[in-house]
């Protein structure tokens, strides 16, 4: 079997964005995408998407969807920061950290083509968009979990009208998020009492 190693925190952080009991069963987990010289950890629930990416010496390729149950079985240990992912023909995989090993069968399904959502936001229209504040808070939670509780500025959301918007953090090149806007007809209108009547000078 082949092996790659990555931070446990990245896997746990990605799971925050994964669907839990969605009818689209293949998003009820976290996707490990292995490409020549790099790999990505990706998760989505159809409304938001998170990607962690790093370079590697591996020349292998493959996609494996780790089910939520396998990730839930991982108990973080303060002295162990990385986890080893063992993969082969896709029938059996395992997560190993310390003296523990979690064996599982990857979800048999095709993970969504998330690159389309990414590319749709690369050149933002800068049109006004509305976003679910709970989703924005989840990105902040995931980033703090993935990179430690060091201070982070608020995320930058690239306004893109009714299309997907990218989520980025300054000086954080191993992370990328995508968020879908809320459909709303609300206009940018302040209540009448906010407008004060100017009194003529005497």
N, C-alpha and C. Protein backbone atom coordinates (compact mmCIF):
# COMPACT_ATOMS: atom_id res chain seq x y z
N UNK A 1 0.83 -1.20 0.00
CA UNK A 1 0.00 0.00 0.00
C UNK A 1 0.87 1.25 0.00
N UNK A 2 0.33 2.33 -0.53
CA UNK A 2 1.03 3.61 -0.55
C UNK A 2 0.64 4.42 0.68
N UNK A 3 1.40 5.47 0.92
CA UNK A 3 1.19 6.25 2.14
C UNK A 3 1.48 7.72 1.92
N UNK A 4 0.64 8.57 2.49
CA UNK A 4 0.94 10.00 2.57
C UNK A 4 0.63 10.45 3.99
N UNK A 5 1.28 11.52 4.39
CA UNK A 5 1.10 12.02 5.75
C UNK A 5 0.66 13.48 5.70
N UNK A 6 -0.24 13.85 6.59
CA UNK A 6 -0.72 15.23 6.64
C UNK A 6 -1.22 15.52 8.05
N UNK A 7 -1.45 16.80 8.38
CA UNK A 7 -1.90 17.16 9.73
C UNK A 7 -3.29 16.60 10.04
N UNK A 8 -3.41 16.02 11.23
CA UNK A 8 -4.73 15.57 11.68
C UNK A 8 -5.71 16.73 11.69
N UNK A 9 -5.21 17.89 12.07
CA UNK A 9 -6.08 19.07 12.19
C UNK A 9 -6.71 19.44 10.86
N UNK A 10 -6.01 19.21 9.75
CA UNK A 10 -6.59 19.52 8.44
C UNK A 10 -7.79 18.63 8.16
N UNK A 11 -7.66 17.37 8.51
CA UNK A 11 -8.75 16.42 8.27
C UNK A 11 -9.97 16.77 9.12
N UNK A 12 -9.73 17.08 10.38
CA UNK A 12 -10.83 17.44 11.28
C UNK A 12 -11.47 18.77 10.86
N UNK A 13 -10.65 19.70 10.40
CA UNK A 13 -11.17 21.00 9.97
C UNK A 13 -12.01 20.86 8.72
N UNK A 14 -11.55 20.03 7.78
CA UNK A 14 -12.31 19.83 6.55
C UNK A 14 -13.67 19.20 6.83
N UNK A 15 -13.71 18.32 7.83
CA UNK A 15 -14.97 17.65 8.14
C UNK A 15 -16.05 18.62 8.60
N UNK A 16 -15.66 19.77 9.12
CA UNK A 16 -16.63 20.78 9.52
C UNK A 16 -17.52 21.18 8.34
N UNK A 17 -16.95 21.18 7.15
CA UNK A 17 -17.68 21.60 5.95
C UNK A 17 -18.36 20.44 5.23
N UNK A 18 -18.09 19.21 5.64
CA UNK A 18 -18.66 18.05 4.96
C UNK A 18 -20.12 17.87 5.32
N UNK A 19 -20.89 17.32 4.39
CA UNK A 19 -22.28 16.96 4.68
C UNK A 19 -22.28 15.84 5.71
N UNK A 20 -23.38 15.73 6.44
CA UNK A 20 -23.44 14.72 7.49
C UNK A 20 -24.34 13.54 7.09
N UNK A 21 -25.57 13.80 6.75
CA UNK A 21 -26.49 12.72 6.35
C UNK A 21 -27.23 13.13 5.08
N UNK A 22 -26.48 13.66 4.15
CA UNK A 22 -27.06 14.14 2.89
C UNK A 22 -27.47 12.96 2.01
N UNK A 23 -28.54 13.15 1.23
CA UNK A 23 -28.97 12.12 0.29
C UNK A 23 -27.89 11.87 -0.76
N UNK A 24 -27.06 12.89 -1.02
CA UNK A 24 -25.90 12.71 -1.89
C UNK A 24 -24.80 12.09 -1.03
N UNK A 25 -24.84 10.79 -0.89
CA UNK A 25 -24.00 10.06 0.06
C UNK A 25 -22.51 10.30 -0.13
N UNK A 26 -22.09 10.63 -1.34
CA UNK A 26 -20.66 10.76 -1.63
C UNK A 26 -20.06 12.07 -1.09
N UNK A 27 -20.87 12.94 -0.50
CA UNK A 27 -20.30 14.12 0.15
C UNK A 27 -20.39 14.01 1.67
N UNK A 28 -20.80 12.83 2.16
CA UNK A 28 -20.84 12.61 3.61
C UNK A 28 -19.48 12.14 4.11
N UNK A 29 -18.48 12.93 3.83
CA UNK A 29 -17.12 12.59 4.21
C UNK A 29 -16.14 13.58 3.61
N UNK A 30 -14.87 13.24 3.68
CA UNK A 30 -13.80 14.13 3.21
C UNK A 30 -13.03 13.43 2.10
N UNK A 31 -12.80 14.14 1.02
CA UNK A 31 -12.10 13.58 -0.14
C UNK A 31 -10.60 13.85 -0.06
N UNK A 32 -9.82 12.81 -0.25
CA UNK A 32 -8.37 12.94 -0.39
C UNK A 32 -8.05 12.79 -1.87
N UNK A 33 -7.55 13.85 -2.47
CA UNK A 33 -7.22 13.81 -3.90
C UNK A 33 -5.71 13.85 -4.05
N UNK A 34 -5.16 12.79 -4.63
CA UNK A 34 -3.71 12.66 -4.80
C UNK A 34 -3.36 12.89 -6.25
N UNK A 35 -2.43 13.83 -6.47
CA UNK A 35 -1.98 14.17 -7.81
C UNK A 35 -0.46 14.17 -7.82
N UNK A 36 0.15 14.08 -8.99
CA UNK A 36 1.61 14.14 -9.02
C UNK A 36 2.13 15.42 -8.36
N UNK A 37 2.96 15.23 -7.35
CA UNK A 37 3.63 16.34 -6.65
C UNK A 37 2.74 17.13 -5.69
N UNK A 38 1.49 16.77 -5.55
CA UNK A 38 0.64 17.49 -4.60
C UNK A 38 -0.55 16.62 -4.21
N UNK A 39 -1.17 16.98 -3.09
CA UNK A 39 -2.45 16.36 -2.74
C UNK A 39 -3.33 17.39 -2.04
N UNK A 40 -4.62 17.12 -2.07
CA UNK A 40 -5.59 18.04 -1.51
C UNK A 40 -6.56 17.30 -0.60
N UNK A 41 -7.01 18.00 0.41
CA UNK A 41 -8.06 17.52 1.30
C UNK A 41 -9.27 18.41 1.06
N UNK A 42 -10.38 17.83 0.62
CA UNK A 42 -11.52 18.61 0.15
C UNK A 42 -12.81 18.11 0.81
N UNK A 43 -13.67 19.05 1.16
CA UNK A 43 -14.99 18.68 1.71
C UNK A 43 -16.01 19.73 1.32
N UNK A 44 -17.26 19.30 1.16
CA UNK A 44 -18.34 20.22 0.79
C UNK A 44 -19.68 19.66 1.26
N UNK A 45 -20.62 20.56 1.46
CA UNK A 45 -21.99 20.14 1.73
C UNK A 45 -22.94 20.68 0.67
N UNK A 46 -22.36 21.22 -0.41
CA UNK A 46 -23.16 21.78 -1.49
C UNK A 46 -23.39 23.27 -1.36
N UNK A 47 -23.17 23.81 -0.17
CA UNK A 47 -23.32 25.25 0.07
C UNK A 47 -21.98 25.93 0.29
N UNK A 48 -21.04 25.17 0.80
CA UNK A 48 -19.70 25.69 1.06
C UNK A 48 -18.69 24.59 0.81
N UNK A 49 -17.47 25.00 0.50
CA UNK A 49 -16.42 24.07 0.12
C UNK A 49 -15.11 24.51 0.75
N UNK A 50 -14.31 23.53 1.19
CA UNK A 50 -13.01 23.85 1.78
C UNK A 50 -11.95 22.97 1.15
N UNK A 51 -10.77 23.56 0.92
CA UNK A 51 -9.66 22.84 0.32
C UNK A 51 -8.39 23.15 1.11
N UNK A 52 -7.66 22.10 1.48
CA UNK A 52 -6.31 22.24 2.00
C UNK A 52 -5.38 21.57 0.99
N UNK A 53 -4.27 22.22 0.69
CA UNK A 53 -3.40 21.70 -0.37
C UNK A 53 -1.95 21.80 0.06
N UNK A 54 -1.16 20.80 -0.28
CA UNK A 54 0.28 20.82 -0.01
C UNK A 54 1.01 20.02 -1.07
N UNK A 55 2.29 20.29 -1.20
CA UNK A 55 3.12 19.58 -2.17
C UNK A 55 3.63 18.28 -1.57
N UNK A 56 3.93 17.31 -2.43
CA UNK A 56 4.41 16.01 -1.99
C UNK A 56 5.34 15.45 -3.06
N UNK A 57 6.14 14.47 -2.67
CA UNK A 57 7.05 13.85 -3.62
C UNK A 57 6.39 12.71 -4.40
N UNK A 58 5.16 12.39 -4.04
CA UNK A 58 4.47 11.25 -4.66
C UNK A 58 4.15 11.51 -6.13
N UNK A 59 4.20 10.46 -6.92
CA UNK A 59 3.82 10.53 -8.33
C UNK A 59 2.49 9.82 -8.57
N UNK A 60 1.84 9.37 -7.51
CA UNK A 60 0.60 8.62 -7.64
C UNK A 60 -0.59 9.56 -7.89
N UNK A 61 -1.68 8.97 -8.32
CA UNK A 61 -2.93 9.70 -8.48
C UNK A 61 -4.06 8.86 -7.89
N UNK A 62 -5.11 9.55 -7.48
CA UNK A 62 -6.27 8.84 -6.95
C UNK A 62 -7.15 9.74 -6.12
N UNK A 63 -8.40 9.32 -5.95
CA UNK A 63 -9.36 10.02 -5.11
C UNK A 63 -9.99 9.02 -4.16
N UNK A 64 -10.02 9.37 -2.90
CA UNK A 64 -10.59 8.49 -1.88
C UNK A 64 -11.46 9.33 -0.95
N UNK A 65 -12.69 8.91 -0.76
CA UNK A 65 -13.61 9.64 0.12
C UNK A 65 -13.65 8.94 1.47
N UNK A 66 -13.12 9.60 2.47
CA UNK A 66 -13.10 9.03 3.81
C UNK A 66 -14.45 9.28 4.46
N UNK A 67 -15.17 8.26 4.87
CA UNK A 67 -16.49 8.47 5.49
C UNK A 67 -16.37 9.17 6.85
N UNK A 68 -17.40 9.91 7.21
CA UNK A 68 -17.39 10.64 8.47
C UNK A 68 -17.14 9.72 9.66
N UNK A 69 -17.64 8.50 9.60
CA UNK A 69 -17.49 7.58 10.73
C UNK A 69 -16.02 7.31 11.03
N UNK A 70 -15.21 7.19 9.99
CA UNK A 70 -13.78 6.94 10.19
C UNK A 70 -13.09 8.15 10.82
N UNK A 71 -13.49 9.34 10.38
CA UNK A 71 -12.90 10.56 10.93
C UNK A 71 -13.34 10.77 12.38
N UNK A 72 -14.60 10.45 12.65
CA UNK A 72 -15.10 10.59 14.03
C UNK A 72 -14.34 9.69 15.01
N UNK A 73 -13.80 8.58 14.50
CA UNK A 73 -13.09 7.63 15.36
C UNK A 73 -11.71 8.13 15.76
N UNK A 74 -11.24 9.20 15.10
CA UNK A 74 -9.92 9.74 15.42
C UNK A 74 -10.01 10.59 16.68
N UNK A 75 -9.26 10.24 17.68
CA UNK A 75 -9.20 11.01 18.91
C UNK A 75 -7.86 11.75 18.93
N UNK A 76 -7.92 13.06 18.90
CA UNK A 76 -6.69 13.85 18.82
C UNK A 76 -5.86 13.70 20.09
N UNK A 77 -4.54 13.55 19.89
CA UNK A 77 -3.60 13.44 20.99
C UNK A 77 -2.62 14.60 20.90
N UNK A 78 -2.38 15.30 22.00
CA UNK A 78 -1.56 16.52 21.96
C UNK A 78 -0.18 16.33 21.33
N UNK A 79 0.44 15.17 21.53
CA UNK A 79 1.80 14.97 21.05
C UNK A 79 1.86 14.41 19.62
N UNK A 80 0.71 14.10 19.05
CA UNK A 80 0.68 13.56 17.68
C UNK A 80 -0.04 14.56 16.79
N UNK A 81 0.66 15.13 15.84
CA UNK A 81 0.08 16.16 14.98
C UNK A 81 -0.25 15.66 13.58
N UNK A 82 0.48 14.64 13.10
CA UNK A 82 0.26 14.14 11.74
C UNK A 82 -0.41 12.77 11.76
N UNK A 83 -1.09 12.47 10.67
CA UNK A 83 -1.72 11.17 10.50
C UNK A 83 -1.28 10.58 9.16
N UNK A 84 -1.10 9.28 9.11
CA UNK A 84 -0.70 8.60 7.88
C UNK A 84 -1.92 7.98 7.22
N UNK A 85 -2.08 8.27 5.94
CA UNK A 85 -3.18 7.71 5.16
C UNK A 85 -2.61 6.64 4.25
N UNK A 86 -3.04 5.39 4.45
CA UNK A 86 -2.59 4.26 3.64
C UNK A 86 -3.66 3.95 2.59
N UNK A 87 -3.25 3.84 1.35
CA UNK A 87 -4.21 3.59 0.28
C UNK A 87 -3.60 2.64 -0.75
N UNK A 88 -4.50 1.98 -1.44
CA UNK A 88 -4.06 1.05 -2.47
C UNK A 88 -5.03 1.04 -3.63
N UNK A 89 -5.79 -0.05 -3.74
CA UNK A 89 -6.73 -0.20 -4.85
C UNK A 89 -8.09 0.42 -4.55
N UNK A 90 -8.23 1.05 -3.39
CA UNK A 90 -9.49 1.69 -3.04
C UNK A 90 -10.46 0.80 -2.31
N UNK A 91 -10.17 -0.51 -2.23
CA UNK A 91 -11.06 -1.42 -1.52
C UNK A 91 -10.88 -1.28 -0.02
N UNK A 92 -9.65 -1.06 0.40
CA UNK A 92 -9.36 -0.92 1.81
C UNK A 92 -8.33 0.18 2.01
N UNK A 93 -8.60 1.08 2.95
CA UNK A 93 -7.67 2.14 3.30
C UNK A 93 -7.57 2.19 4.83
N UNK A 94 -6.63 2.96 5.32
CA UNK A 94 -6.52 3.10 6.77
C UNK A 94 -5.90 4.44 7.12
N UNK A 95 -6.21 4.87 8.34
CA UNK A 95 -5.63 6.07 8.93
C UNK A 95 -4.84 5.61 10.15
N UNK A 96 -3.56 5.96 10.18
CA UNK A 96 -2.70 5.50 11.26
C UNK A 96 -2.07 6.69 11.98
N UNK A 97 -2.17 6.70 13.28
CA UNK A 97 -1.50 7.73 14.07
C UNK A 97 -1.12 7.14 15.41
N UNK A 98 0.14 7.35 15.77
CA UNK A 98 0.62 6.72 16.99
C UNK A 98 0.58 5.20 16.83
N UNK A 99 0.05 4.54 17.84
CA UNK A 99 -0.07 3.08 17.80
C UNK A 99 -1.44 2.63 17.32
N UNK A 100 -2.27 3.56 16.88
CA UNK A 100 -3.64 3.24 16.49
C UNK A 100 -3.79 3.25 14.96
N UNK A 101 -4.65 2.39 14.48
CA UNK A 101 -4.94 2.34 13.04
C UNK A 101 -6.44 2.13 12.84
N UNK A 102 -7.02 2.98 12.01
CA UNK A 102 -8.45 2.90 11.71
C UNK A 102 -8.60 2.43 10.27
N UNK A 103 -9.13 1.24 10.08
CA UNK A 103 -9.33 0.68 8.74
C UNK A 103 -10.75 0.99 8.28
N UNK A 104 -10.91 1.29 7.02
CA UNK A 104 -12.23 1.63 6.49
C UNK A 104 -12.27 1.39 4.99
N UNK A 105 -13.47 1.33 4.47
CA UNK A 105 -13.69 1.25 3.04
C UNK A 105 -14.12 2.63 2.55
N UNK A 106 -13.42 3.21 1.58
CA UNK A 106 -13.81 4.52 1.07
C UNK A 106 -15.24 4.50 0.52
N UNK A 107 -15.90 5.64 0.57
CA UNK A 107 -17.24 5.75 0.00
C UNK A 107 -17.17 5.51 -1.50
N UNK A 108 -18.00 4.63 -1.97
CA UNK A 108 -18.02 4.27 -3.38
C UNK A 108 -18.91 5.26 -4.13
N UNK A 109 -18.32 6.32 -4.59
CA UNK A 109 -19.07 7.34 -5.31
C UNK A 109 -18.11 8.33 -5.94
N UNK A 110 -18.64 9.18 -6.79
CA UNK A 110 -17.82 10.17 -7.48
C UNK A 110 -17.96 11.52 -6.78
N UNK A 111 -16.86 12.00 -6.23
CA UNK A 111 -16.89 13.29 -5.54
C UNK A 111 -17.14 14.40 -6.56
N UNK A 112 -17.89 15.43 -6.19
CA UNK A 112 -18.22 16.51 -7.15
C UNK A 112 -16.97 17.17 -7.73
N UNK A 113 -17.13 17.68 -8.94
CA UNK A 113 -16.06 18.42 -9.62
C UNK A 113 -15.99 19.82 -9.01
N UNK A 114 -15.28 19.92 -7.90
CA UNK A 114 -15.24 21.18 -7.15
C UNK A 114 -14.47 22.27 -7.90
N UNK A 115 -13.63 21.88 -8.86
CA UNK A 115 -12.83 22.87 -9.57
C UNK A 115 -13.71 23.84 -10.35
N UNK A 116 -14.88 23.40 -10.77
CA UNK A 116 -15.79 24.30 -11.48
C UNK A 116 -16.23 25.46 -10.59
N UNK A 117 -16.53 25.14 -9.32
CA UNK A 117 -16.93 26.18 -8.38
C UNK A 117 -15.79 27.14 -8.11
N UNK A 118 -14.57 26.61 -8.04
CA UNK A 118 -13.40 27.44 -7.82
C UNK A 118 -13.20 28.39 -8.99
N UNK A 119 -13.23 27.86 -10.19
CA UNK A 119 -12.98 28.67 -11.38
C UNK A 119 -14.05 29.73 -11.58
N UNK A 120 -15.29 29.43 -11.16
CA UNK A 120 -16.37 30.41 -11.30
C UNK A 120 -16.14 31.65 -10.44
N UNK A 121 -15.31 31.50 -9.41
CA UNK A 121 -15.07 32.64 -8.53
C UNK A 121 -13.74 33.32 -8.72
N UNK A 122 -12.90 32.82 -9.64
CA UNK A 122 -11.56 33.37 -9.81
C UNK A 122 -11.55 34.79 -10.35
N UNK A 123 -12.55 35.12 -11.15
CA UNK A 123 -12.67 36.49 -11.66
C UNK A 123 -14.01 37.03 -11.17
N UNK A 124 -14.05 37.54 -9.95
CA UNK A 124 -15.33 37.95 -9.37
C UNK A 124 -15.95 39.14 -10.09
N UNK A 125 -17.28 39.15 -10.13
CA UNK A 125 -18.00 40.24 -10.78
C UNK A 125 -18.04 41.48 -9.90
N UNK A 126 -17.77 41.29 -8.60
CA UNK A 126 -17.82 42.36 -7.59
C UNK A 126 -19.24 42.88 -7.37
N UNK A 127 -20.23 42.10 -7.85
CA UNK A 127 -21.61 42.45 -7.57
C UNK A 127 -21.93 42.11 -6.12
N UNK A 128 -22.86 42.84 -5.54
CA UNK A 128 -23.25 42.61 -4.16
C UNK A 128 -23.78 41.19 -4.00
N UNK A 129 -23.37 40.53 -2.93
CA UNK A 129 -23.85 39.18 -2.64
C UNK A 129 -24.12 39.06 -1.15
N UNK A 130 -25.05 38.18 -0.79
CA UNK A 130 -25.41 37.96 0.62
C UNK A 130 -25.00 36.54 1.00
N UNK A 131 -24.36 36.42 2.17
CA UNK A 131 -23.86 35.13 2.60
C UNK A 131 -24.40 34.77 3.99
N UNK A 132 -24.65 33.50 4.17
CA UNK A 132 -25.13 33.00 5.46
C UNK A 132 -24.03 33.23 6.50
N UNK A 133 -24.28 34.02 7.55
CA UNK A 133 -23.23 34.30 8.55
C UNK A 133 -22.76 33.05 9.28
N UNK A 134 -23.62 32.04 9.39
CA UNK A 134 -23.20 30.80 10.04
C UNK A 134 -22.13 30.09 9.21
N UNK A 135 -22.25 30.16 7.90
CA UNK A 135 -21.25 29.54 7.03
C UNK A 135 -19.91 30.27 7.16
N UNK A 136 -19.96 31.59 7.22
CA UNK A 136 -18.74 32.38 7.38
C UNK A 136 -18.06 32.03 8.70
N UNK A 137 -18.85 31.88 9.76
CA UNK A 137 -18.30 31.51 11.07
C UNK A 137 -17.67 30.12 11.03
N UNK A 138 -18.23 29.22 10.22
CA UNK A 138 -17.66 27.88 10.11
C UNK A 138 -16.28 27.90 9.44
N UNK A 139 -16.10 28.79 8.48
CA UNK A 139 -14.78 28.94 7.87
C UNK A 139 -13.76 29.40 8.91
N UNK A 140 -14.15 30.36 9.72
CA UNK A 140 -13.25 30.86 10.76
C UNK A 140 -12.90 29.74 11.74
N UNK A 141 -13.89 28.94 12.11
CA UNK A 141 -13.67 27.83 13.03
C UNK A 141 -12.73 26.80 12.42
N UNK A 142 -12.94 26.48 11.14
CA UNK A 142 -12.11 25.49 10.47
C UNK A 142 -10.67 25.95 10.35
N UNK A 143 -10.45 27.20 10.01
CA UNK A 143 -9.10 27.73 9.85
C UNK A 143 -8.36 27.75 11.18
N UNK A 144 -9.03 28.13 12.24
CA UNK A 144 -8.39 28.13 13.56
C UNK A 144 -8.03 26.71 14.00
N UNK A 145 -8.89 25.76 13.68
CA UNK A 145 -8.60 24.37 14.02
C UNK A 145 -7.43 23.84 13.20
N UNK A 146 -7.40 24.20 11.92
CA UNK A 146 -6.37 23.68 11.02
C UNK A 146 -4.98 24.24 11.30
N UNK A 147 -4.93 25.51 11.67
CA UNK A 147 -3.63 26.18 11.79
C UNK A 147 -3.31 26.61 13.22
N UNK A 148 -4.12 26.19 14.18
CA UNK A 148 -3.87 26.58 15.56
C UNK A 148 -4.63 27.83 15.91
N UNK A 149 -4.67 28.14 17.17
CA UNK A 149 -5.47 29.27 17.65
C UNK A 149 -4.72 30.59 17.57
N UNK A 150 -3.78 30.69 16.61
CA UNK A 150 -3.12 31.97 16.45
C UNK A 150 -4.08 32.96 15.80
N UNK A 151 -3.75 34.21 15.92
CA UNK A 151 -4.67 35.25 15.47
C UNK A 151 -4.80 35.27 13.95
N UNK A 152 -6.04 35.28 13.47
CA UNK A 152 -6.32 35.40 12.05
C UNK A 152 -7.27 36.57 11.84
N UNK A 153 -7.01 37.30 10.75
CA UNK A 153 -7.97 38.32 10.38
C UNK A 153 -9.23 37.65 9.87
N UNK A 154 -10.28 38.42 9.69
CA UNK A 154 -11.50 37.85 9.15
C UNK A 154 -11.25 37.40 7.71
N UNK A 155 -11.99 36.42 7.24
CA UNK A 155 -11.78 35.94 5.86
C UNK A 155 -12.18 37.00 4.84
N UNK A 156 -11.54 36.94 3.69
CA UNK A 156 -11.92 37.79 2.57
C UNK A 156 -12.83 36.99 1.66
N UNK A 157 -14.03 37.47 1.43
CA UNK A 157 -14.98 36.81 0.53
C UNK A 157 -15.07 37.64 -0.74
N UNK A 158 -14.77 37.00 -1.85
CA UNK A 158 -14.74 37.69 -3.13
C UNK A 158 -16.18 37.82 -3.64
N UNK A 159 -16.74 39.04 -3.65
CA UNK A 159 -18.14 39.23 -4.07
C UNK A 159 -18.34 38.87 -5.54
N UNK A 160 -19.32 38.02 -5.78
CA UNK A 160 -19.50 37.51 -7.14
C UNK A 160 -20.97 37.36 -7.50
N UNK A 161 -21.80 38.24 -6.95
CA UNK A 161 -23.22 38.21 -7.29
C UNK A 161 -23.87 36.89 -6.90
N UNK A 162 -24.61 36.28 -7.83
CA UNK A 162 -25.31 35.03 -7.54
C UNK A 162 -24.46 33.79 -7.83
N UNK A 163 -23.17 33.99 -8.08
CA UNK A 163 -22.27 32.87 -8.33
C UNK A 163 -21.40 32.60 -7.10
N UNK A 164 -20.67 31.51 -7.15
CA UNK A 164 -19.84 31.13 -6.00
C UNK A 164 -18.77 32.19 -5.74
N UNK A 165 -18.51 32.44 -4.45
CA UNK A 165 -17.49 33.39 -4.06
C UNK A 165 -16.33 32.68 -3.37
N UNK A 166 -15.13 33.07 -3.68
CA UNK A 166 -13.97 32.47 -3.03
C UNK A 166 -13.78 33.04 -1.63
N UNK A 167 -13.22 32.21 -0.76
CA UNK A 167 -12.91 32.62 0.60
C UNK A 167 -11.41 32.44 0.80
N UNK A 168 -10.72 33.51 1.16
CA UNK A 168 -9.27 33.43 1.33
C UNK A 168 -8.87 34.15 2.62
N UNK A 169 -7.66 33.83 3.05
CA UNK A 169 -7.03 34.51 4.19
C UNK A 169 -5.67 35.01 3.73
N UNK A 170 -5.30 36.16 4.20
CA UNK A 170 -4.01 36.73 3.82
C UNK A 170 -2.87 35.82 4.29
N UNK A 171 -1.92 35.60 3.41
CA UNK A 171 -0.71 34.80 3.70
C UNK A 171 -1.03 33.36 4.08
N UNK A 172 -2.12 32.82 3.56
CA UNK A 172 -2.47 31.43 3.84
C UNK A 172 -2.70 30.74 2.50
N UNK A 173 -1.62 30.31 1.86
CA UNK A 173 -1.70 29.78 0.51
C UNK A 173 -2.12 28.31 0.44
N UNK A 174 -2.11 27.61 1.57
CA UNK A 174 -2.50 26.19 1.56
C UNK A 174 -4.00 26.01 1.78
N UNK A 175 -4.74 27.11 1.88
CA UNK A 175 -6.19 27.06 2.13
C UNK A 175 -6.95 27.79 1.04
N UNK A 176 -8.12 27.25 0.69
CA UNK A 176 -9.05 27.96 -0.19
C UNK A 176 -10.46 27.50 0.14
N UNK A 177 -11.37 28.45 0.19
CA UNK A 177 -12.76 28.12 0.44
C UNK A 177 -13.65 28.66 -0.67
N UNK A 178 -14.83 28.10 -0.77
CA UNK A 178 -15.85 28.58 -1.71
C UNK A 178 -17.17 28.62 -0.96
N UNK A 179 -17.91 29.68 -1.15
CA UNK A 179 -19.21 29.81 -0.48
C UNK A 179 -20.25 30.24 -1.51
N UNK A 180 -21.42 29.64 -1.43
CA UNK A 180 -22.51 30.01 -2.32
C UNK A 180 -23.33 31.12 -1.68
N UNK A 181 -23.80 32.08 -2.46
CA UNK A 181 -24.58 33.19 -1.90
C UNK A 181 -26.00 32.76 -1.55
N UNK A 182 -26.62 33.53 -0.68
CA UNK A 182 -28.03 33.33 -0.37
C UNK A 182 -28.87 34.03 -1.42
N UNK A 183 -29.97 33.41 -1.77
CA UNK A 183 -30.89 34.04 -2.72
C UNK A 183 -31.84 34.94 -1.94
N UNK A 184 -31.76 36.22 -2.20
CA UNK A 184 -32.59 37.17 -1.48
C UNK A 184 -32.93 38.35 -2.38
N UNK A 185 -34.06 38.96 -2.15
CA UNK A 185 -34.47 40.13 -2.91
C UNK A 185 -34.27 41.41 -2.11
N UNK A 186 -33.63 41.28 -0.94
CA UNK A 186 -33.41 42.45 -0.10
C UNK A 186 -32.53 43.47 -0.81
N UNK A 187 -32.92 44.71 -0.73
CA UNK A 187 -32.13 45.79 -1.30
C UNK A 187 -31.32 46.46 -0.21
N UNK A 188 -30.31 47.20 -0.61
CA UNK A 188 -29.53 47.97 0.35
C UNK A 188 -30.32 49.23 0.68
N UNK A 189 -31.17 49.11 1.69
CA UNK A 189 -32.06 50.23 2.03
C UNK A 189 -32.09 50.40 3.54
N UNK A 190 -31.78 51.58 3.98
CA UNK A 190 -31.82 51.89 5.41
C UNK A 190 -33.22 52.31 5.80
N UNK A 191 -33.63 52.10 7.07
CA UNK A 191 -34.95 52.54 7.51
C UNK A 191 -35.05 54.06 7.45
N UNK A 192 -36.27 54.53 7.34
CA UNK A 192 -36.51 55.96 7.16
C UNK A 192 -35.91 56.79 8.28
N UNK A 193 -35.97 56.26 9.53
CA UNK A 193 -35.50 57.07 10.66
C UNK A 193 -33.99 57.28 10.66
N UNK A 194 -33.28 56.50 9.82
CA UNK A 194 -31.83 56.67 9.76
C UNK A 194 -31.44 57.94 9.02
N UNK A 195 -32.36 58.46 8.23
CA UNK A 195 -32.08 59.68 7.47
C UNK A 195 -32.53 60.88 8.29
N UNK A 196 -31.57 61.67 8.74
CA UNK A 196 -31.89 62.85 9.53
C UNK A 196 -32.16 64.03 8.62
N UNK A 197 -33.14 64.79 8.97
CA UNK A 197 -33.49 65.95 8.17
C UNK A 197 -32.53 67.09 8.49
N UNK A 198 -31.93 67.63 7.48
CA UNK A 198 -31.00 68.74 7.68
C UNK A 198 -31.77 70.02 7.99
N UNK A 199 -31.40 70.63 9.08
CA UNK A 199 -32.06 71.88 9.48
C UNK A 199 -31.35 73.05 8.83
N UNK A 200 -32.10 73.98 8.31
CA UNK A 200 -31.47 75.16 7.69
C UNK A 200 -30.70 75.97 8.72
N UNK A 201 -29.58 76.52 8.28
CA UNK A 201 -28.81 77.38 9.18
C UNK A 201 -29.54 78.70 9.43
N UNK A 202 -29.48 79.11 10.65
CA UNK A 202 -30.16 80.37 10.98
C UNK A 202 -29.24 81.56 10.70
